[in-house]
């Protein structure tokens, strides 16, 4: 299995575990993308900036739990890096759990690329600890995508649990995994 490191300047192939977090994040915030994805898999998207309050670490935990129960899951984490330390922790967790073959991390996005990512996903998940409005969920809902969010102010105003999508407690990876399944 190879990992392809994409940046504005180059494409480099490396063996798993070889790229350091600095290499991944250094080149104007490039994207780490694995290259063995199949369009028949169930694709889960979290479009949110990389920041602790967005809960990507909880989603990776939930994804690992769900993946033990269901094969063919793919997780796409996409957003701008606003906390380098947190983005490093996210990438380290992907490697620690050996999920490089089923998680895509996109850190260099444009406003034009988000709708494409959303259109390609099957489920949109927002595992946030705090939100203002939950715009990404609204956009996913407008595209007819099933959504899962956390029961926090902002998201609970967008999703009526069981009607428009599913709400789970923030920080509860087990409940998030169950909702994904």
N, C-alpha and C. Protein backbone atom coordinates (compact mmCIF):
# COMPACT_ATOMS: atom_id res chain seq x y z
N UNK A 1 0.85 -1.17 0.00
CA UNK A 1 0.00 0.00 0.00
C UNK A 1 0.89 1.23 0.00
N UNK A 2 0.63 2.15 -0.90
CA UNK A 2 1.36 3.41 -0.98
C UNK A 2 0.47 4.55 -0.54
N UNK A 3 1.07 5.57 -0.03
CA UNK A 3 0.37 6.80 0.29
C UNK A 3 0.87 7.85 -0.67
N UNK A 4 -0.04 8.59 -1.24
CA UNK A 4 0.35 9.65 -2.15
C UNK A 4 0.18 10.97 -1.45
N UNK A 5 1.21 11.76 -1.44
CA UNK A 5 1.19 13.08 -0.82
C UNK A 5 1.02 14.10 -1.93
N UNK A 6 -0.11 14.81 -1.91
CA UNK A 6 -0.39 15.79 -2.95
C UNK A 6 -0.11 17.18 -2.42
N UNK A 7 0.49 17.98 -3.21
CA UNK A 7 0.67 19.38 -2.87
C UNK A 7 0.55 20.18 -4.15
N UNK A 8 0.63 21.49 -4.02
CA UNK A 8 0.55 22.34 -5.20
C UNK A 8 1.77 22.15 -6.09
N UNK A 9 2.87 21.72 -5.51
CA UNK A 9 4.12 21.67 -6.25
C UNK A 9 4.47 20.28 -6.79
N UNK A 10 4.07 19.23 -6.08
CA UNK A 10 4.57 17.92 -6.49
C UNK A 10 3.68 16.79 -6.01
N UNK A 11 3.97 15.61 -6.50
CA UNK A 11 3.33 14.39 -6.03
C UNK A 11 4.46 13.44 -5.67
N UNK A 12 4.44 12.93 -4.44
CA UNK A 12 5.50 12.06 -3.97
C UNK A 12 4.88 10.78 -3.44
N UNK A 13 5.39 9.62 -3.83
CA UNK A 13 4.92 8.34 -3.31
C UNK A 13 5.85 7.90 -2.20
N UNK A 14 5.27 7.44 -1.09
CA UNK A 14 6.06 6.96 0.04
C UNK A 14 5.38 5.73 0.63
N UNK A 15 6.12 4.95 1.37
CA UNK A 15 5.55 3.80 2.05
C UNK A 15 4.85 4.27 3.33
N UNK A 16 3.80 3.54 3.79
CA UNK A 16 3.08 3.94 5.00
C UNK A 16 4.03 4.12 6.18
N UNK A 17 3.76 5.13 6.96
CA UNK A 17 4.55 5.39 8.15
C UNK A 17 5.78 6.23 7.90
N UNK A 18 6.20 6.39 6.65
CA UNK A 18 7.42 7.12 6.35
C UNK A 18 7.23 8.64 6.43
N UNK A 19 6.14 9.20 5.88
CA UNK A 19 6.04 10.66 5.94
C UNK A 19 5.80 11.13 7.36
N UNK A 20 6.52 12.16 7.72
CA UNK A 20 6.29 12.74 9.03
C UNK A 20 5.14 13.72 8.94
N UNK A 21 4.58 14.05 10.07
CA UNK A 21 3.50 15.02 10.10
C UNK A 21 3.98 16.34 9.53
N UNK A 22 5.22 16.71 9.84
CA UNK A 22 5.76 17.96 9.29
C UNK A 22 5.79 17.93 7.78
N UNK A 23 6.16 16.80 7.20
CA UNK A 23 6.19 16.70 5.74
C UNK A 23 4.79 16.88 5.16
N UNK A 24 3.80 16.33 5.83
CA UNK A 24 2.43 16.41 5.33
C UNK A 24 1.89 17.82 5.44
N UNK A 25 2.15 18.49 6.54
CA UNK A 25 1.56 19.80 6.79
C UNK A 25 2.42 20.97 6.31
N UNK A 26 3.69 20.72 6.01
CA UNK A 26 4.62 21.79 5.72
C UNK A 26 4.38 22.49 4.38
N UNK A 27 4.05 21.77 3.36
CA UNK A 27 4.00 22.31 2.01
C UNK A 27 2.68 23.03 1.75
N UNK A 28 2.51 24.20 2.38
CA UNK A 28 1.30 25.00 2.23
C UNK A 28 0.04 24.17 2.45
N UNK A 29 0.09 23.36 3.45
CA UNK A 29 -1.02 22.51 3.88
C UNK A 29 -1.53 21.61 2.76
N UNK A 30 -0.71 20.66 2.31
CA UNK A 30 -1.13 19.74 1.27
C UNK A 30 -2.12 18.71 1.82
N UNK A 31 -2.55 17.81 0.97
CA UNK A 31 -3.50 16.78 1.38
C UNK A 31 -2.85 15.41 1.33
N UNK A 32 -3.18 14.59 2.31
CA UNK A 32 -2.75 13.20 2.34
C UNK A 32 -3.91 12.38 1.78
N UNK A 33 -3.65 11.62 0.76
CA UNK A 33 -4.72 10.86 0.12
C UNK A 33 -4.21 9.45 -0.12
N UNK A 34 -4.97 8.44 0.27
CA UNK A 34 -4.58 7.08 -0.07
C UNK A 34 -5.13 6.78 -1.45
N UNK A 35 -4.54 5.82 -2.11
CA UNK A 35 -4.89 5.61 -3.51
C UNK A 35 -5.57 4.27 -3.79
N UNK A 36 -6.15 3.63 -2.77
CA UNK A 36 -6.81 2.35 -3.04
C UNK A 36 -8.28 2.40 -2.64
N UNK A 37 -8.98 3.42 -3.10
CA UNK A 37 -10.40 3.55 -2.80
C UNK A 37 -11.24 3.01 -3.94
N UNK A 38 -12.40 2.52 -3.59
CA UNK A 38 -13.33 1.91 -4.53
C UNK A 38 -14.64 2.67 -4.42
N UNK A 39 -15.21 3.05 -5.54
CA UNK A 39 -16.44 3.85 -5.52
C UNK A 39 -17.64 3.08 -4.97
N UNK A 40 -17.53 1.75 -4.84
CA UNK A 40 -18.64 0.97 -4.30
C UNK A 40 -18.68 1.00 -2.77
N UNK A 41 -17.69 1.59 -2.14
CA UNK A 41 -17.65 1.67 -0.68
C UNK A 41 -18.58 2.76 -0.17
N UNK A 42 -18.96 2.64 1.10
CA UNK A 42 -19.77 3.67 1.76
C UNK A 42 -18.83 4.79 2.20
N UNK A 43 -19.03 5.98 1.65
CA UNK A 43 -18.14 7.11 1.91
C UNK A 43 -18.77 8.07 2.89
N UNK A 44 -18.06 8.32 3.99
CA UNK A 44 -18.49 9.22 5.06
C UNK A 44 -17.63 10.47 4.98
N UNK A 45 -18.26 11.63 4.99
CA UNK A 45 -17.53 12.89 4.89
C UNK A 45 -17.72 13.73 6.15
N UNK A 46 -16.63 14.32 6.60
CA UNK A 46 -16.67 15.37 7.61
C UNK A 46 -15.96 16.57 7.01
N UNK A 47 -16.73 17.58 6.64
CA UNK A 47 -16.17 18.81 6.08
C UNK A 47 -16.16 19.85 7.18
N UNK A 48 -14.99 20.07 7.75
CA UNK A 48 -14.85 21.01 8.86
C UNK A 48 -13.38 21.39 8.99
N UNK A 49 -13.14 22.60 9.43
CA UNK A 49 -11.75 22.99 9.64
C UNK A 49 -11.13 22.09 10.70
N UNK A 50 -9.84 21.90 10.63
CA UNK A 50 -9.15 21.05 11.59
C UNK A 50 -8.88 21.85 12.86
N UNK A 51 -9.75 21.63 13.83
CA UNK A 51 -9.68 22.30 15.12
C UNK A 51 -10.33 21.40 16.15
N UNK A 52 -9.82 21.42 17.35
CA UNK A 52 -10.30 20.50 18.39
C UNK A 52 -11.81 20.54 18.59
N UNK A 53 -12.41 21.69 18.50
CA UNK A 53 -13.86 21.79 18.73
C UNK A 53 -14.69 21.11 17.64
N UNK A 54 -14.05 20.74 16.52
CA UNK A 54 -14.76 20.09 15.42
C UNK A 54 -14.87 18.58 15.60
N UNK A 55 -14.08 17.97 16.49
CA UNK A 55 -14.27 16.58 16.88
C UNK A 55 -13.79 15.52 15.91
N UNK A 56 -12.85 15.82 15.03
CA UNK A 56 -12.39 14.80 14.08
C UNK A 56 -11.76 13.60 14.79
N UNK A 57 -11.09 13.81 15.93
CA UNK A 57 -10.51 12.67 16.65
C UNK A 57 -11.59 11.71 17.12
N UNK A 58 -12.72 12.24 17.58
CA UNK A 58 -13.84 11.39 17.98
C UNK A 58 -14.38 10.61 16.78
N UNK A 59 -14.43 11.26 15.64
CA UNK A 59 -14.93 10.60 14.43
C UNK A 59 -13.99 9.49 14.00
N UNK A 60 -12.70 9.69 14.12
CA UNK A 60 -11.76 8.62 13.77
C UNK A 60 -11.95 7.44 14.71
N UNK A 61 -12.13 7.70 16.01
CA UNK A 61 -12.42 6.62 16.97
C UNK A 61 -13.70 5.88 16.57
N UNK A 62 -14.75 6.64 16.26
CA UNK A 62 -16.03 6.04 15.87
C UNK A 62 -15.88 5.23 14.59
N UNK A 63 -15.13 5.77 13.65
CA UNK A 63 -14.91 5.09 12.38
C UNK A 63 -14.20 3.76 12.60
N UNK A 64 -13.20 3.75 13.48
CA UNK A 64 -12.47 2.51 13.79
C UNK A 64 -13.42 1.47 14.37
N UNK A 65 -14.32 1.89 15.26
CA UNK A 65 -15.31 0.98 15.85
C UNK A 65 -16.26 0.47 14.76
N UNK A 66 -16.77 1.36 13.94
CA UNK A 66 -17.72 0.98 12.88
C UNK A 66 -17.06 0.05 11.87
N UNK A 67 -15.80 0.31 11.55
CA UNK A 67 -15.08 -0.49 10.56
C UNK A 67 -14.91 -1.94 11.04
N UNK A 68 -14.85 -2.16 12.35
CA UNK A 68 -14.76 -3.52 12.87
C UNK A 68 -16.06 -4.30 12.62
N UNK A 69 -17.16 -3.58 12.48
CA UNK A 69 -18.47 -4.21 12.31
C UNK A 69 -18.95 -4.22 10.87
N UNK A 70 -18.41 -3.34 10.04
CA UNK A 70 -18.84 -3.26 8.65
C UNK A 70 -17.66 -2.97 7.75
N UNK A 71 -17.50 -3.80 6.76
CA UNK A 71 -16.43 -3.60 5.79
C UNK A 71 -16.87 -2.57 4.76
N UNK A 72 -15.91 -2.03 4.05
CA UNK A 72 -16.21 -1.14 2.94
C UNK A 72 -16.48 0.30 3.32
N UNK A 73 -16.10 0.70 4.53
CA UNK A 73 -16.29 2.10 4.94
C UNK A 73 -15.07 2.92 4.53
N UNK A 74 -15.33 4.14 4.09
CA UNK A 74 -14.29 5.11 3.77
C UNK A 74 -14.64 6.40 4.50
N UNK A 75 -13.65 7.02 5.12
CA UNK A 75 -13.85 8.28 5.81
C UNK A 75 -13.04 9.36 5.10
N UNK A 76 -13.69 10.48 4.82
CA UNK A 76 -13.02 11.62 4.21
C UNK A 76 -13.10 12.79 5.19
N UNK A 77 -11.94 13.25 5.63
CA UNK A 77 -11.84 14.43 6.49
C UNK A 77 -11.33 15.57 5.63
N UNK A 78 -12.11 16.63 5.53
CA UNK A 78 -11.74 17.72 4.63
C UNK A 78 -11.96 19.06 5.30
N UNK A 79 -10.97 19.91 5.25
CA UNK A 79 -11.09 21.24 5.81
C UNK A 79 -9.76 21.94 5.89
N UNK A 80 -9.81 23.22 6.19
CA UNK A 80 -8.60 24.01 6.36
C UNK A 80 -8.00 23.76 7.73
N UNK A 81 -6.68 23.82 7.82
CA UNK A 81 -6.00 23.65 9.10
C UNK A 81 -5.95 24.99 9.80
N UNK A 82 -6.68 25.09 10.90
CA UNK A 82 -6.60 26.30 11.73
C UNK A 82 -5.84 26.03 13.01
N UNK A 83 -5.63 24.76 13.34
CA UNK A 83 -4.81 24.38 14.48
C UNK A 83 -3.84 23.30 14.01
N UNK A 84 -2.62 23.71 13.77
CA UNK A 84 -1.60 22.77 13.29
C UNK A 84 -1.41 21.63 14.28
N UNK A 85 -1.39 21.92 15.56
CA UNK A 85 -1.19 20.88 16.58
C UNK A 85 -2.32 19.85 16.51
N UNK A 86 -3.54 20.32 16.31
CA UNK A 86 -4.66 19.40 16.23
C UNK A 86 -4.59 18.58 14.94
N UNK A 87 -4.26 19.20 13.83
CA UNK A 87 -4.12 18.48 12.56
C UNK A 87 -3.06 17.39 12.68
N UNK A 88 -1.98 17.68 13.37
CA UNK A 88 -0.94 16.68 13.61
C UNK A 88 -1.51 15.50 14.40
N UNK A 89 -2.29 15.79 15.42
CA UNK A 89 -2.90 14.71 16.22
C UNK A 89 -3.85 13.87 15.37
N UNK A 90 -4.60 14.51 14.48
CA UNK A 90 -5.52 13.78 13.60
C UNK A 90 -4.72 12.82 12.71
N UNK A 91 -3.68 13.31 12.06
CA UNK A 91 -2.87 12.47 11.18
C UNK A 91 -2.18 11.35 11.95
N UNK A 92 -1.68 11.66 13.14
CA UNK A 92 -1.03 10.65 13.97
C UNK A 92 -2.02 9.55 14.36
N UNK A 93 -3.26 9.92 14.64
CA UNK A 93 -4.26 8.94 15.03
C UNK A 93 -4.61 8.02 13.85
N UNK A 94 -4.70 8.57 12.66
CA UNK A 94 -4.96 7.76 11.47
C UNK A 94 -3.87 6.70 11.33
N UNK A 95 -2.62 7.10 11.49
CA UNK A 95 -1.49 6.17 11.36
C UNK A 95 -1.48 5.18 12.53
N UNK A 96 -1.70 5.66 13.75
CA UNK A 96 -1.69 4.79 14.94
C UNK A 96 -2.73 3.68 14.81
N UNK A 97 -3.91 4.00 14.31
CA UNK A 97 -4.97 3.01 14.15
C UNK A 97 -4.84 2.21 12.85
N UNK A 98 -3.79 2.51 12.06
CA UNK A 98 -3.52 1.82 10.80
C UNK A 98 -4.72 1.91 9.85
N UNK A 99 -5.23 3.12 9.70
CA UNK A 99 -6.40 3.36 8.86
C UNK A 99 -6.06 4.12 7.58
N UNK A 100 -4.78 4.17 7.24
CA UNK A 100 -4.37 4.92 6.05
C UNK A 100 -5.03 4.42 4.77
N UNK A 101 -5.42 3.15 4.74
CA UNK A 101 -6.01 2.60 3.51
C UNK A 101 -7.49 2.93 3.36
N UNK A 102 -8.11 3.56 4.37
CA UNK A 102 -9.54 3.83 4.28
C UNK A 102 -9.93 5.22 4.78
N UNK A 103 -8.94 6.07 5.03
CA UNK A 103 -9.22 7.46 5.41
C UNK A 103 -8.46 8.39 4.47
N UNK A 104 -9.19 9.35 3.92
CA UNK A 104 -8.59 10.41 3.12
C UNK A 104 -8.59 11.67 3.97
N UNK A 105 -7.49 12.39 3.96
CA UNK A 105 -7.42 13.66 4.66
C UNK A 105 -7.07 14.74 3.64
N UNK A 106 -8.00 15.68 3.45
CA UNK A 106 -7.80 16.79 2.52
C UNK A 106 -7.66 18.07 3.33
N UNK A 107 -6.53 18.72 3.21
CA UNK A 107 -6.31 19.94 3.98
C UNK A 107 -6.13 21.18 3.11
N UNK A 108 -6.17 21.01 1.83
CA UNK A 108 -6.01 22.14 0.93
C UNK A 108 -7.26 22.20 0.05
N UNK A 109 -8.22 22.97 0.47
CA UNK A 109 -9.51 23.00 -0.21
C UNK A 109 -9.84 24.39 -0.72
N UNK A 110 -10.73 24.40 -1.70
CA UNK A 110 -11.28 25.66 -2.17
C UNK A 110 -12.80 25.58 -1.96
N UNK A 111 -13.46 26.71 -2.04
CA UNK A 111 -14.92 26.70 -1.94
C UNK A 111 -15.56 25.87 -3.05
N UNK A 112 -14.87 25.77 -4.18
CA UNK A 112 -15.38 24.99 -5.30
C UNK A 112 -15.25 23.50 -5.07
N UNK A 113 -14.26 23.05 -4.28
CA UNK A 113 -14.04 21.61 -4.11
C UNK A 113 -14.97 20.97 -3.07
N UNK A 114 -15.49 21.74 -2.15
CA UNK A 114 -16.38 21.19 -1.11
C UNK A 114 -17.64 20.57 -1.72
N UNK A 115 -18.35 21.25 -2.63
CA UNK A 115 -19.54 20.61 -3.21
C UNK A 115 -19.23 19.29 -3.92
N UNK A 116 -18.08 19.19 -4.55
CA UNK A 116 -17.70 17.95 -5.21
C UNK A 116 -17.52 16.84 -4.19
N UNK A 117 -16.80 17.13 -3.10
CA UNK A 117 -16.62 16.14 -2.04
C UNK A 117 -17.97 15.72 -1.45
N UNK A 118 -18.84 16.69 -1.23
CA UNK A 118 -20.15 16.38 -0.67
C UNK A 118 -20.97 15.52 -1.61
N UNK A 119 -20.89 15.82 -2.90
CA UNK A 119 -21.69 15.04 -3.86
C UNK A 119 -21.21 13.61 -3.95
N UNK A 120 -19.94 13.37 -3.64
CA UNK A 120 -19.36 12.03 -3.72
C UNK A 120 -19.56 11.21 -2.44
N UNK A 121 -20.02 11.86 -1.37
CA UNK A 121 -20.17 11.13 -0.10
C UNK A 121 -21.56 10.52 0.00
N UNK A 122 -21.67 9.53 0.89
CA UNK A 122 -22.95 8.89 1.16
C UNK A 122 -23.58 9.43 2.45
N UNK A 123 -22.75 9.81 3.40
CA UNK A 123 -23.21 10.33 4.70
C UNK A 123 -22.31 11.50 5.07
N UNK A 124 -22.90 12.53 5.66
CA UNK A 124 -22.11 13.65 6.18
C UNK A 124 -22.19 13.63 7.70
N UNK A 125 -21.03 13.71 8.35
CA UNK A 125 -20.97 13.66 9.81
C UNK A 125 -20.29 14.92 10.33
N UNK A 126 -20.89 15.53 11.34
CA UNK A 126 -20.32 16.71 11.99
C UNK A 126 -20.23 16.42 13.49
N UNK A 127 -19.06 15.94 13.97
CA UNK A 127 -18.91 15.52 15.37
C UNK A 127 -18.49 16.64 16.32
N UNK A 128 -18.97 17.84 16.11
CA UNK A 128 -18.50 19.04 16.80
C UNK A 128 -18.84 19.08 18.29
N UNK A 129 -18.01 19.83 19.00
CA UNK A 129 -18.28 20.15 20.41
C UNK A 129 -18.99 21.49 20.52
N UNK A 130 -18.88 22.31 19.51
CA UNK A 130 -19.55 23.61 19.48
C UNK A 130 -19.69 24.04 18.02
N UNK A 131 -20.80 24.65 17.70
CA UNK A 131 -21.05 25.15 16.35
C UNK A 131 -21.82 26.45 16.45
N UNK A 132 -21.63 27.29 15.47
CA UNK A 132 -22.44 28.48 15.39
C UNK A 132 -23.76 28.17 14.70
N UNK A 133 -23.67 27.57 13.52
CA UNK A 133 -24.86 27.28 12.73
C UNK A 133 -24.85 25.87 12.16
N UNK A 134 -23.73 25.35 11.78
CA UNK A 134 -23.69 24.04 11.15
C UNK A 134 -23.92 24.13 9.65
N UNK A 135 -23.26 25.08 9.02
CA UNK A 135 -23.45 25.33 7.60
C UNK A 135 -23.13 24.10 6.74
N UNK A 136 -22.10 23.36 7.10
CA UNK A 136 -21.74 22.16 6.31
C UNK A 136 -22.88 21.15 6.34
N UNK A 137 -23.52 21.00 7.48
CA UNK A 137 -24.67 20.08 7.56
C UNK A 137 -25.83 20.58 6.71
N UNK A 138 -26.07 21.86 6.75
CA UNK A 138 -27.15 22.44 5.94
C UNK A 138 -26.87 22.19 4.46
N UNK A 139 -25.62 22.40 4.04
CA UNK A 139 -25.26 22.17 2.64
C UNK A 139 -25.44 20.70 2.27
N UNK A 140 -25.04 19.79 3.16
CA UNK A 140 -25.21 18.36 2.89
C UNK A 140 -26.69 17.99 2.81
N UNK A 141 -27.49 18.55 3.70
CA UNK A 141 -28.92 18.28 3.68
C UNK A 141 -29.55 18.80 2.40
N UNK A 142 -29.09 19.95 1.93
CA UNK A 142 -29.61 20.51 0.67
C UNK A 142 -29.28 19.61 -0.51
N UNK A 143 -28.21 18.82 -0.39
CA UNK A 143 -27.84 17.89 -1.45
C UNK A 143 -28.51 16.53 -1.26
N UNK A 144 -29.36 16.42 -0.24
CA UNK A 144 -30.08 15.18 0.01
C UNK A 144 -29.27 14.11 0.70
N UNK A 145 -28.19 14.50 1.35
CA UNK A 145 -27.34 13.53 2.04
C UNK A 145 -27.85 13.26 3.45
N UNK A 146 -27.81 12.00 3.91
CA UNK A 146 -28.10 11.73 5.31
C UNK A 146 -27.04 12.39 6.18
N UNK A 147 -27.44 12.94 7.33
CA UNK A 147 -26.49 13.65 8.18
C UNK A 147 -26.54 13.13 9.62
N UNK A 148 -25.38 13.20 10.25
CA UNK A 148 -25.23 12.86 11.66
C UNK A 148 -24.47 14.01 12.29
N UNK A 149 -24.99 14.51 13.39
CA UNK A 149 -24.32 15.59 14.11
C UNK A 149 -24.34 15.32 15.60
N UNK A 150 -23.69 16.18 16.33
CA UNK A 150 -23.70 16.06 17.79
C UNK A 150 -24.77 16.97 18.35
N UNK A 151 -25.26 16.60 19.50
CA UNK A 151 -26.35 17.33 20.14
C UNK A 151 -25.79 18.56 20.86
N UNK A 152 -25.33 19.52 20.08
CA UNK A 152 -24.78 20.77 20.62
C UNK A 152 -25.55 21.93 20.00
N UNK A 153 -25.52 23.06 20.69
CA UNK A 153 -26.18 24.24 20.17
C UNK A 153 -25.65 24.54 18.77
N UNK A 154 -26.52 24.83 17.88
CA UNK A 154 -26.18 25.07 16.49
C UNK A 154 -26.60 23.88 15.65
N UNK A 155 -26.07 22.72 15.97
CA UNK A 155 -26.43 21.53 15.21
C UNK A 155 -27.82 21.03 15.59
N UNK A 156 -28.18 21.16 16.87
CA UNK A 156 -29.51 20.73 17.29
C UNK A 156 -30.61 21.65 16.75
N UNK A 157 -30.20 22.79 16.22
CA UNK A 157 -31.16 23.68 15.58
C UNK A 157 -31.32 23.36 14.09
N UNK A 158 -30.36 22.62 13.55
CA UNK A 158 -30.39 22.24 12.14
C UNK A 158 -31.04 20.86 11.97
N UNK A 159 -30.72 19.96 12.89
CA UNK A 159 -31.21 18.58 12.81
C UNK A 159 -32.24 18.32 13.89
N UNK A 160 -33.40 17.83 13.48
CA UNK A 160 -34.36 17.29 14.44
C UNK A 160 -34.10 15.79 14.47
N UNK A 161 -33.60 15.31 15.62
CA UNK A 161 -33.15 13.93 15.74
C UNK A 161 -34.21 12.93 15.28
N UNK A 162 -33.82 12.07 14.37
CA UNK A 162 -34.73 11.06 13.85
C UNK A 162 -35.60 11.54 12.71
N UNK A 163 -35.64 12.84 12.47
CA UNK A 163 -36.45 13.41 11.38
C UNK A 163 -35.56 13.84 10.21
N UNK A 164 -34.67 14.78 10.49
CA UNK A 164 -33.78 15.33 9.45
C UNK A 164 -32.43 14.62 9.41
N UNK A 165 -32.12 13.89 10.46
CA UNK A 165 -30.83 13.23 10.60
C UNK A 165 -30.74 12.65 11.99
N UNK A 166 -29.53 12.34 12.42
CA UNK A 166 -29.33 11.77 13.75
C UNK A 166 -28.43 12.67 14.57
N UNK A 167 -28.75 12.77 15.86
CA UNK A 167 -27.91 13.52 16.80
C UNK A 167 -27.37 12.55 17.84
N UNK A 168 -26.10 12.70 18.19
CA UNK A 168 -25.46 11.89 19.22
C UNK A 168 -24.78 12.83 20.21
N UNK A 169 -24.52 12.37 21.43
CA UNK A 169 -23.81 13.23 22.38
C UNK A 169 -22.39 13.55 21.89
N UNK A 170 -21.96 14.77 22.07
CA UNK A 170 -20.60 15.17 21.69
C UNK A 170 -19.60 14.35 22.50
N UNK A 171 -18.56 13.88 21.84
CA UNK A 171 -17.51 13.13 22.51
C UNK A 171 -17.81 11.65 22.71
N UNK A 172 -18.94 11.17 22.28
CA UNK A 172 -19.34 9.77 22.46
C UNK A 172 -19.09 8.99 21.18
N UNK A 173 -17.88 8.45 21.06
CA UNK A 173 -17.48 7.74 19.85
C UNK A 173 -18.33 6.49 19.61
N UNK A 174 -18.73 5.82 20.69
CA UNK A 174 -19.56 4.63 20.54
C UNK A 174 -20.91 4.96 19.94
N UNK A 175 -21.54 6.02 20.43
CA UNK A 175 -22.84 6.44 19.88
C UNK A 175 -22.68 6.91 18.44
N UNK A 176 -21.60 7.57 18.15
CA UNK A 176 -21.34 8.03 16.78
C UNK A 176 -21.16 6.83 15.84
N UNK A 177 -20.43 5.81 16.29
CA UNK A 177 -20.23 4.60 15.49
C UNK A 177 -21.57 3.92 15.22
N UNK A 178 -22.41 3.83 16.24
CA UNK A 178 -23.73 3.22 16.09
C UNK A 178 -24.57 3.99 15.07
N UNK A 179 -24.52 5.31 15.12
CA UNK A 179 -25.27 6.14 14.18
C UNK A 179 -24.77 5.93 12.75
N UNK A 180 -23.48 5.78 12.58
CA UNK A 180 -22.91 5.55 11.26
C UNK A 180 -23.40 4.22 10.68
N UNK A 181 -23.45 3.21 11.55
CA UNK A 181 -23.88 1.88 11.10
C UNK A 181 -25.37 1.85 10.85
